[in-house]
Amino acid sequence: MNVLDRFLGYVKYDTQSDELTNLTPSTPGQMVFAQALEKELKSLGLKDITLDDNGYLMATLPSNTDRKVPTVGFIAHLDTSPDMSGRHVNPRIVENYDGGNIVLDADAGVVLSVDDFPELKDYVGERLVVTDGKTLLGADDKAGVAEIITAVEY
């Protein structure tokens, strides 16, 4: 599976955090996502997979060399911001971005403005993944999780 397809699947999980619960994970959706990732890691052949009651998921990719090499760890978090809904996320792909404003939700007047985010100009010609303007996309840090799992799969 490629990283984009994996990411588009991950953003469908509602992992919005709730700072008021004083729990870890702070919402049930975070554990649902962790359990799905646990199954995915098992299907990819990882070893020593553990998922604890706090939602900490760890696994080992066995070495593919007999040489002595350093161990590398990859870390990402599963929760998303409490500031905006993580339910019913509808990502949209903007192909060959033209450098202009991106209308996320015309009815609500939600626009990703180049004036507010001038760094958008750095991505002219690229493929961008955006939200529909009604929810948080959840790229922080589901993009990181997708990158890690895709690299491990490779």
N, C-alpha and C. Protein backbone atom coordinates (compact mmCIF):
# COMPACT_ATOMS: atom_id res chain seq x y z
N MET A 1 0.86 -1.17 0.00
CA MET A 1 0.00 0.00 0.00
C MET A 1 0.91 1.24 0.00
N ASN A 2 0.53 2.25 -0.76
CA ASN A 2 1.36 3.45 -0.76
C ASN A 2 0.98 4.37 0.39
N VAL A 3 1.85 5.33 0.68
CA VAL A 3 1.69 6.18 1.85
C VAL A 3 0.42 7.04 1.77
N LEU A 4 0.05 7.49 0.58
CA LEU A 4 -1.15 8.32 0.45
C LEU A 4 -2.41 7.50 0.77
N ASP A 5 -2.51 6.31 0.20
CA ASP A 5 -3.68 5.47 0.48
C ASP A 5 -3.77 5.13 1.96
N ARG A 6 -2.63 4.83 2.54
CA ARG A 6 -2.60 4.51 3.97
C ARG A 6 -3.06 5.72 4.78
N PHE A 7 -2.53 6.90 4.48
CA PHE A 7 -2.91 8.13 5.18
C PHE A 7 -4.40 8.41 5.04
N LEU A 8 -4.93 8.27 3.83
CA LEU A 8 -6.35 8.53 3.60
C LEU A 8 -7.24 7.58 4.42
N GLY A 9 -6.76 6.38 4.66
CA GLY A 9 -7.48 5.46 5.53
C GLY A 9 -7.38 5.85 7.00
N TYR A 10 -6.22 6.28 7.41
CA TYR A 10 -5.99 6.63 8.81
C TYR A 10 -6.80 7.86 9.23
N VAL A 11 -6.96 8.83 8.34
CA VAL A 11 -7.68 10.05 8.75
C VAL A 11 -9.15 9.78 9.03
N LYS A 12 -9.65 8.65 8.62
CA LYS A 12 -11.06 8.30 8.88
C LYS A 12 -11.30 7.92 10.35
N TYR A 13 -10.23 7.62 11.08
CA TYR A 13 -10.36 7.30 12.50
C TYR A 13 -10.51 8.58 13.30
N ASP A 14 -11.53 8.64 14.14
CA ASP A 14 -11.74 9.79 15.02
C ASP A 14 -10.84 9.63 16.24
N THR A 15 -9.75 10.37 16.25
CA THR A 15 -8.79 10.28 17.36
C THR A 15 -8.64 11.62 18.07
N GLN A 16 -9.66 12.45 17.96
CA GLN A 16 -9.62 13.75 18.63
C GLN A 16 -9.38 13.55 20.12
N SER A 17 -8.44 14.30 20.66
CA SER A 17 -8.15 14.18 22.08
C SER A 17 -9.11 15.04 22.91
N ASP A 18 -9.15 14.74 24.19
CA ASP A 18 -9.98 15.49 25.13
C ASP A 18 -9.15 15.74 26.38
N GLU A 19 -8.69 16.96 26.53
CA GLU A 19 -7.80 17.31 27.64
C GLU A 19 -8.48 17.22 29.00
N LEU A 20 -9.79 17.15 29.03
CA LEU A 20 -10.52 17.16 30.29
C LEU A 20 -10.71 15.78 30.92
N THR A 21 -10.42 14.72 30.18
CA THR A 21 -10.68 13.38 30.73
C THR A 21 -9.64 12.92 31.73
N ASN A 22 -8.43 13.47 31.64
CA ASN A 22 -7.30 13.02 32.48
C ASN A 22 -7.04 11.52 32.31
N LEU A 23 -7.34 11.00 31.13
CA LEU A 23 -7.09 9.60 30.80
C LEU A 23 -6.07 9.51 29.68
N THR A 24 -5.44 8.35 29.57
CA THR A 24 -4.55 8.07 28.45
C THR A 24 -4.89 6.69 27.93
N PRO A 25 -5.36 6.56 26.70
CA PRO A 25 -5.67 7.65 25.78
C PRO A 25 -6.89 8.43 26.27
N SER A 26 -7.00 9.66 25.79
CA SER A 26 -8.04 10.54 26.32
C SER A 26 -9.42 10.31 25.72
N THR A 27 -9.49 9.58 24.61
CA THR A 27 -10.78 9.23 24.00
C THR A 27 -10.71 7.80 23.47
N PRO A 28 -11.84 7.11 23.40
CA PRO A 28 -11.85 5.72 22.93
C PRO A 28 -11.35 5.54 21.50
N GLY A 29 -11.58 6.52 20.64
CA GLY A 29 -11.17 6.39 19.24
C GLY A 29 -9.67 6.21 19.06
N GLN A 30 -8.91 6.75 19.98
CA GLN A 30 -7.45 6.59 19.90
C GLN A 30 -7.07 5.12 20.08
N MET A 31 -7.75 4.42 20.99
CA MET A 31 -7.47 3.01 21.20
C MET A 31 -7.96 2.18 20.02
N VAL A 32 -9.08 2.55 19.44
CA VAL A 32 -9.59 1.86 18.25
C VAL A 32 -8.55 1.94 17.13
N PHE A 33 -7.98 3.12 16.95
CA PHE A 33 -6.95 3.30 15.92
C PHE A 33 -5.71 2.48 16.26
N ALA A 34 -5.29 2.49 17.52
CA ALA A 34 -4.12 1.72 17.94
C ALA A 34 -4.34 0.23 17.69
N GLN A 35 -5.54 -0.26 17.96
CA GLN A 35 -5.84 -1.68 17.74
C GLN A 35 -5.80 -2.02 16.25
N ALA A 36 -6.28 -1.11 15.42
CA ALA A 36 -6.21 -1.33 13.97
C ALA A 36 -4.75 -1.35 13.50
N LEU A 37 -3.95 -0.45 14.04
CA LEU A 37 -2.52 -0.43 13.69
C LEU A 37 -1.82 -1.70 14.17
N GLU A 38 -2.21 -2.19 15.33
CA GLU A 38 -1.64 -3.43 15.86
C GLU A 38 -1.88 -4.58 14.87
N LYS A 39 -3.10 -4.68 14.37
CA LYS A 39 -3.43 -5.72 13.38
C LYS A 39 -2.61 -5.53 12.11
N GLU A 40 -2.47 -4.28 11.69
CA GLU A 40 -1.71 -4.01 10.48
C GLU A 40 -0.24 -4.41 10.65
N LEU A 41 0.34 -4.08 11.80
CA LEU A 41 1.73 -4.45 12.06
C LEU A 41 1.90 -5.96 12.07
N LYS A 42 0.94 -6.68 12.64
CA LYS A 42 1.00 -8.15 12.64
C LYS A 42 0.97 -8.67 11.21
N SER A 43 0.10 -8.08 10.38
CA SER A 43 -0.01 -8.55 8.99
C SER A 43 1.25 -8.26 8.19
N LEU A 44 2.02 -7.28 8.62
CA LEU A 44 3.28 -6.95 7.94
C LEU A 44 4.45 -7.79 8.45
N GLY A 45 4.20 -8.62 9.46
CA GLY A 45 5.24 -9.52 9.95
C GLY A 45 6.13 -8.95 11.03
N LEU A 46 5.73 -7.86 11.67
CA LEU A 46 6.55 -7.33 12.74
C LEU A 46 6.48 -8.25 13.95
N LYS A 47 7.44 -8.12 14.84
CA LYS A 47 7.56 -8.99 16.01
C LYS A 47 7.46 -8.16 17.28
N ASP A 48 7.34 -8.87 18.39
CA ASP A 48 7.32 -8.24 19.72
C ASP A 48 6.30 -7.11 19.79
N ILE A 49 5.14 -7.31 19.22
CA ILE A 49 4.11 -6.26 19.18
C ILE A 49 3.41 -6.21 20.53
N THR A 50 3.37 -4.99 21.10
CA THR A 50 2.65 -4.79 22.35
C THR A 50 1.79 -3.54 22.23
N LEU A 51 0.61 -3.63 22.80
CA LEU A 51 -0.29 -2.49 22.92
C LEU A 51 -0.78 -2.48 24.35
N ASP A 52 -0.40 -1.45 25.11
CA ASP A 52 -0.79 -1.43 26.51
C ASP A 52 -2.10 -0.67 26.71
N ASP A 53 -2.56 -0.63 27.94
CA ASP A 53 -3.84 0.00 28.27
C ASP A 53 -3.85 1.50 28.04
N ASN A 54 -2.67 2.10 27.93
CA ASN A 54 -2.57 3.54 27.67
C ASN A 54 -2.49 3.86 26.18
N GLY A 55 -2.56 2.84 25.35
CA GLY A 55 -2.53 3.06 23.91
C GLY A 55 -1.13 3.13 23.32
N TYR A 56 -0.13 2.76 24.09
CA TYR A 56 1.23 2.75 23.58
C TYR A 56 1.45 1.48 22.78
N LEU A 57 1.71 1.64 21.50
CA LEU A 57 1.90 0.52 20.59
C LEU A 57 3.37 0.46 20.19
N MET A 58 3.96 -0.69 20.37
CA MET A 58 5.37 -0.87 20.00
C MET A 58 5.52 -2.18 19.23
N ALA A 59 6.51 -2.19 18.33
CA ALA A 59 6.77 -3.39 17.54
C ALA A 59 8.22 -3.36 17.07
N THR A 60 8.69 -4.51 16.66
CA THR A 60 10.06 -4.63 16.17
C THR A 60 10.04 -5.20 14.77
N LEU A 61 10.79 -4.56 13.90
CA LEU A 61 11.04 -5.10 12.57
C LEU A 61 12.37 -5.85 12.66
N PRO A 62 12.35 -7.17 12.48
CA PRO A 62 13.60 -7.93 12.59
C PRO A 62 14.62 -7.45 11.56
N SER A 63 15.86 -7.52 11.95
CA SER A 63 16.96 -7.11 11.07
C SER A 63 17.01 -7.99 9.83
N ASN A 64 17.44 -7.41 8.73
CA ASN A 64 17.59 -8.19 7.50
C ASN A 64 19.06 -8.31 7.12
N THR A 65 19.94 -8.11 8.10
CA THR A 65 21.37 -8.22 7.85
C THR A 65 22.04 -8.89 9.04
N ASP A 66 23.17 -9.54 8.79
CA ASP A 66 23.94 -10.15 9.86
C ASP A 66 24.94 -9.16 10.46
N ARG A 67 25.13 -8.03 9.77
CA ARG A 67 26.06 -7.01 10.25
C ARG A 67 25.52 -6.36 11.52
N LYS A 68 26.42 -5.89 12.35
CA LYS A 68 26.03 -5.15 13.56
C LYS A 68 25.64 -3.74 13.13
N VAL A 69 24.38 -3.40 13.30
CA VAL A 69 23.88 -2.07 12.93
C VAL A 69 23.12 -1.49 14.12
N PRO A 70 23.06 -0.16 14.21
CA PRO A 70 22.33 0.43 15.33
C PRO A 70 20.83 0.20 15.22
N THR A 71 20.20 0.17 16.36
CA THR A 71 18.74 0.08 16.42
C THR A 71 18.18 1.48 16.20
N VAL A 72 17.12 1.56 15.41
CA VAL A 72 16.49 2.83 15.12
C VAL A 72 15.05 2.78 15.64
N GLY A 73 14.62 3.85 16.27
CA GLY A 73 13.24 3.92 16.75
C GLY A 73 12.48 5.02 16.03
N PHE A 74 11.23 4.75 15.74
CA PHE A 74 10.35 5.75 15.12
C PHE A 74 9.19 5.98 16.07
N ILE A 75 8.86 7.25 16.28
CA ILE A 75 7.81 7.60 17.24
C ILE A 75 6.83 8.56 16.60
N ALA A 76 5.54 8.31 16.82
CA ALA A 76 4.48 9.22 16.39
C ALA A 76 3.34 9.10 17.39
N HIS A 77 2.49 10.10 17.42
CA HIS A 77 1.34 10.03 18.33
C HIS A 77 0.07 9.77 17.52
N LEU A 78 -0.93 9.22 18.20
CA LEU A 78 -2.16 8.81 17.52
C LEU A 78 -3.30 9.80 17.69
N ASP A 79 -3.18 10.70 18.67
CA ASP A 79 -4.28 11.63 18.91
C ASP A 79 -4.17 12.85 18.01
N THR A 80 -5.31 13.49 17.81
CA THR A 80 -5.36 14.73 17.05
C THR A 80 -5.89 15.84 17.95
N SER A 81 -5.79 17.04 17.49
CA SER A 81 -6.11 18.22 18.28
C SER A 81 -7.52 18.18 18.85
N PRO A 82 -7.67 18.68 20.07
CA PRO A 82 -9.00 18.77 20.66
C PRO A 82 -9.79 19.97 20.12
N ASP A 83 -9.15 20.81 19.33
CA ASP A 83 -9.76 22.07 18.91
C ASP A 83 -10.80 21.95 17.82
N MET A 84 -10.83 20.82 17.12
CA MET A 84 -11.78 20.67 16.02
C MET A 84 -12.14 19.20 15.87
N SER A 85 -13.31 18.93 15.38
CA SER A 85 -13.81 17.57 15.26
C SER A 85 -12.89 16.70 14.40
N GLY A 86 -12.79 15.44 14.82
CA GLY A 86 -12.09 14.43 14.04
C GLY A 86 -13.04 13.41 13.47
N ARG A 87 -14.34 13.67 13.57
CA ARG A 87 -15.37 12.76 13.05
C ARG A 87 -15.71 13.09 11.62
N HIS A 88 -15.98 12.05 10.87
CA HIS A 88 -16.46 12.19 9.49
C HIS A 88 -15.51 13.04 8.64
N VAL A 89 -14.23 12.75 8.76
CA VAL A 89 -13.21 13.47 7.99
C VAL A 89 -13.35 13.09 6.52
N ASN A 90 -13.41 14.10 5.67
CA ASN A 90 -13.50 13.90 4.23
C ASN A 90 -12.33 14.60 3.55
N PRO A 91 -11.22 13.88 3.40
CA PRO A 91 -10.07 14.50 2.74
C PRO A 91 -10.34 14.72 1.26
N ARG A 92 -9.69 15.72 0.73
CA ARG A 92 -9.79 16.02 -0.69
C ARG A 92 -8.39 16.19 -1.22
N ILE A 93 -8.15 15.69 -2.41
CA ILE A 93 -6.84 15.81 -3.04
C ILE A 93 -6.88 16.93 -4.06
N VAL A 94 -5.94 17.84 -3.93
CA VAL A 94 -5.77 18.93 -4.90
C VAL A 94 -4.58 18.53 -5.77
N GLU A 95 -4.87 18.18 -7.01
CA GLU A 95 -3.81 17.78 -7.95
C GLU A 95 -3.19 19.02 -8.58
N ASN A 96 -1.89 18.98 -8.78
CA ASN A 96 -1.17 20.03 -9.49
C ASN A 96 -1.57 21.42 -8.97
N TYR A 97 -1.36 21.63 -7.69
CA TYR A 97 -1.73 22.87 -7.02
C TYR A 97 -1.23 24.09 -7.80
N ASP A 98 -2.12 25.06 -8.02
CA ASP A 98 -1.80 26.21 -8.88
C ASP A 98 -1.24 27.43 -8.16
N GLY A 99 -1.13 27.36 -6.82
CA GLY A 99 -0.55 28.48 -6.08
C GLY A 99 -1.57 29.46 -5.54
N GLY A 100 -2.84 29.24 -5.80
CA GLY A 100 -3.87 30.15 -5.31
C GLY A 100 -4.51 29.67 -4.03
N ASN A 101 -5.51 30.43 -3.60
CA ASN A 101 -6.28 30.03 -2.42
C ASN A 101 -6.99 28.72 -2.70
N ILE A 102 -7.19 27.94 -1.65
CA ILE A 102 -7.90 26.67 -1.77
C ILE A 102 -9.19 26.80 -0.97
N VAL A 103 -10.31 26.74 -1.66
CA VAL A 103 -11.61 26.81 -0.99
C VAL A 103 -11.89 25.43 -0.41
N LEU A 104 -12.00 25.39 0.91
CA LEU A 104 -12.26 24.13 1.59
C LEU A 104 -13.76 23.88 1.74
N ASP A 105 -14.50 24.93 2.10
CA ASP A 105 -15.95 24.83 2.28
C ASP A 105 -16.55 26.16 1.82
N ALA A 106 -17.04 26.18 0.60
CA ALA A 106 -17.58 27.42 0.02
C ALA A 106 -18.77 27.93 0.81
N ASP A 107 -19.66 27.04 1.24
CA ASP A 107 -20.86 27.46 1.97
C ASP A 107 -20.51 28.17 3.29
N ALA A 108 -19.49 27.67 3.97
CA ALA A 108 -19.10 28.26 5.25
C ALA A 108 -18.01 29.32 5.10
N GLY A 109 -17.53 29.50 3.88
CA GLY A 109 -16.49 30.51 3.63
C GLY A 109 -15.13 30.13 4.20
N VAL A 110 -14.85 28.82 4.26
CA VAL A 110 -13.57 28.35 4.78
C VAL A 110 -12.59 28.23 3.62
N VAL A 111 -11.53 29.05 3.69
CA VAL A 111 -10.56 29.11 2.62
C VAL A 111 -9.15 28.98 3.20
N LEU A 112 -8.34 28.17 2.57
CA LEU A 112 -6.92 28.08 2.90
C LEU A 112 -6.25 29.17 2.08
N SER A 113 -5.98 30.28 2.71
CA SER A 113 -5.54 31.50 2.02
C SER A 113 -4.03 31.59 1.93
N VAL A 114 -3.55 31.93 0.76
CA VAL A 114 -2.12 32.13 0.55
C VAL A 114 -1.64 33.33 1.37
N ASP A 115 -2.50 34.31 1.60
CA ASP A 115 -2.13 35.45 2.44
C ASP A 115 -1.84 35.00 3.87
N ASP A 116 -2.65 34.08 4.38
CA ASP A 116 -2.46 33.57 5.74
C ASP A 116 -1.37 32.51 5.82
N PHE A 117 -1.20 31.76 4.73
CA PHE A 117 -0.23 30.67 4.69
C PHE A 117 0.65 30.81 3.44
N PRO A 118 1.54 31.80 3.43
CA PRO A 118 2.36 32.04 2.24
C PRO A 118 3.24 30.86 1.84
N GLU A 119 3.51 29.96 2.79
CA GLU A 119 4.31 28.78 2.48
C GLU A 119 3.62 27.86 1.48
N LEU A 120 2.33 28.05 1.25
CA LEU A 120 1.63 27.28 0.23
C LEU A 120 2.31 27.43 -1.13
N LYS A 121 2.86 28.59 -1.39
CA LYS A 121 3.53 28.85 -2.68
C LYS A 121 4.69 27.88 -2.93
N ASP A 122 5.22 27.31 -1.86
CA ASP A 122 6.32 26.34 -2.01
C ASP A 122 5.85 25.03 -2.63
N TYR A 123 4.54 24.85 -2.74
CA TYR A 123 3.99 23.58 -3.20
C TYR A 123 3.27 23.66 -4.54
N VAL A 124 3.54 24.71 -5.30
CA VAL A 124 2.96 24.84 -6.63
C VAL A 124 3.35 23.62 -7.47
N GLY A 125 2.36 23.05 -8.13
CA GLY A 125 2.60 21.87 -8.97
C GLY A 125 2.51 20.55 -8.23
N GLU A 126 2.41 20.60 -6.92
CA GLU A 126 2.37 19.39 -6.10
C GLU A 126 0.94 18.90 -5.89
N ARG A 127 0.84 17.70 -5.39
CA ARG A 127 -0.44 17.13 -4.96
C ARG A 127 -0.58 17.44 -3.48
N LEU A 128 -1.69 18.06 -3.09
CA LEU A 128 -1.95 18.39 -1.70
C LEU A 128 -3.17 17.62 -1.20
N VAL A 129 -3.15 17.26 0.06
CA VAL A 129 -4.30 16.65 0.69
C VAL A 129 -4.84 17.66 1.69
N VAL A 130 -6.12 17.99 1.55
CA VAL A 130 -6.75 18.99 2.41
C VAL A 130 -8.03 18.43 3.01
N THR A 131 -8.55 19.11 3.99
CA THR A 131 -9.83 18.77 4.59
C THR A 131 -10.95 19.42 3.78
N ASP A 132 -12.18 19.03 4.07
CA ASP A 132 -13.32 19.67 3.41
C ASP A 132 -13.74 20.94 4.13
N GLY A 133 -12.98 21.33 5.16
CA GLY A 133 -13.27 22.56 5.89
C GLY A 133 -14.23 22.40 7.04
N LYS A 134 -14.78 21.20 7.22
CA LYS A 134 -15.74 20.97 8.31
C LYS A 134 -15.09 20.26 9.49
N THR A 135 -13.97 19.62 9.25
CA THR A 135 -13.27 18.86 10.28
C THR A 135 -11.77 19.13 10.18
N LEU A 136 -11.08 18.66 11.17
CA LEU A 136 -9.63 18.66 11.14
C LEU A 136 -9.18 17.49 10.26
N LEU A 137 -8.20 17.68 9.42
CA LEU A 137 -7.71 16.58 8.59
C LEU A 137 -7.05 15.51 9.45
N GLY A 138 -6.29 15.91 10.43
CA GLY A 138 -5.62 14.94 11.30
C GLY A 138 -4.25 14.54 10.80
N ALA A 139 -3.65 15.37 9.95
CA ALA A 139 -2.34 15.06 9.41
C ALA A 139 -1.27 15.02 10.51
N ASP A 140 -1.49 15.76 11.59
CA ASP A 140 -0.60 15.73 12.74
C ASP A 140 -1.23 14.79 13.76
N ASP A 141 -0.88 13.59 13.80
CA ASP A 141 0.33 13.02 13.27
C ASP A 141 0.03 11.74 12.48
N LYS A 142 -1.14 11.67 11.88
CA LYS A 142 -1.46 10.48 11.09
C LYS A 142 -0.58 10.38 9.85
N ALA A 143 -0.08 11.51 9.37
CA ALA A 143 0.89 11.47 8.27
C ALA A 143 2.17 10.80 8.75
N GLY A 144 2.59 11.12 9.96
CA GLY A 144 3.78 10.49 10.53
C GLY A 144 3.59 8.99 10.71
N VAL A 145 2.43 8.59 11.19
CA VAL A 145 2.15 7.17 11.36
C VAL A 145 2.17 6.47 10.00
N ALA A 146 1.54 7.08 9.00
CA ALA A 146 1.51 6.49 7.66
C ALA A 146 2.92 6.35 7.08
N GLU A 147 3.75 7.36 7.30
CA GLU A 147 5.13 7.30 6.80
C GLU A 147 5.91 6.18 7.47
N ILE A 148 5.76 6.06 8.78
CA ILE A 148 6.48 5.03 9.51
C ILE A 148 6.05 3.64 9.07
N ILE A 149 4.75 3.40 9.00
CA ILE A 149 4.25 2.07 8.62
C ILE A 149 4.65 1.74 7.18
N THR A 150 4.59 2.72 6.30
CA THR A 150 4.97 2.49 4.90
C THR A 150 6.46 2.19 4.79
N ALA A 151 7.28 2.90 5.55
CA ALA A 151 8.73 2.63 5.54
C ALA A 151 9.02 1.23 6.09
N VAL A 152 8.32 0.84 7.15
CA VAL A 152 8.50 -0.48 7.73
C VAL A 152 8.07 -1.55 6.73
N GLU A 153 6.97 -1.31 6.05
CA GLU A 153 6.50 -2.26 5.05
C GLU A 153 7.54 -2.44 3.94
N TYR A 154 8.14 -1.33 3.53
CA TYR A 154 9.15 -1.37 2.46
C TYR A 154 10.35 -2.21 2.89
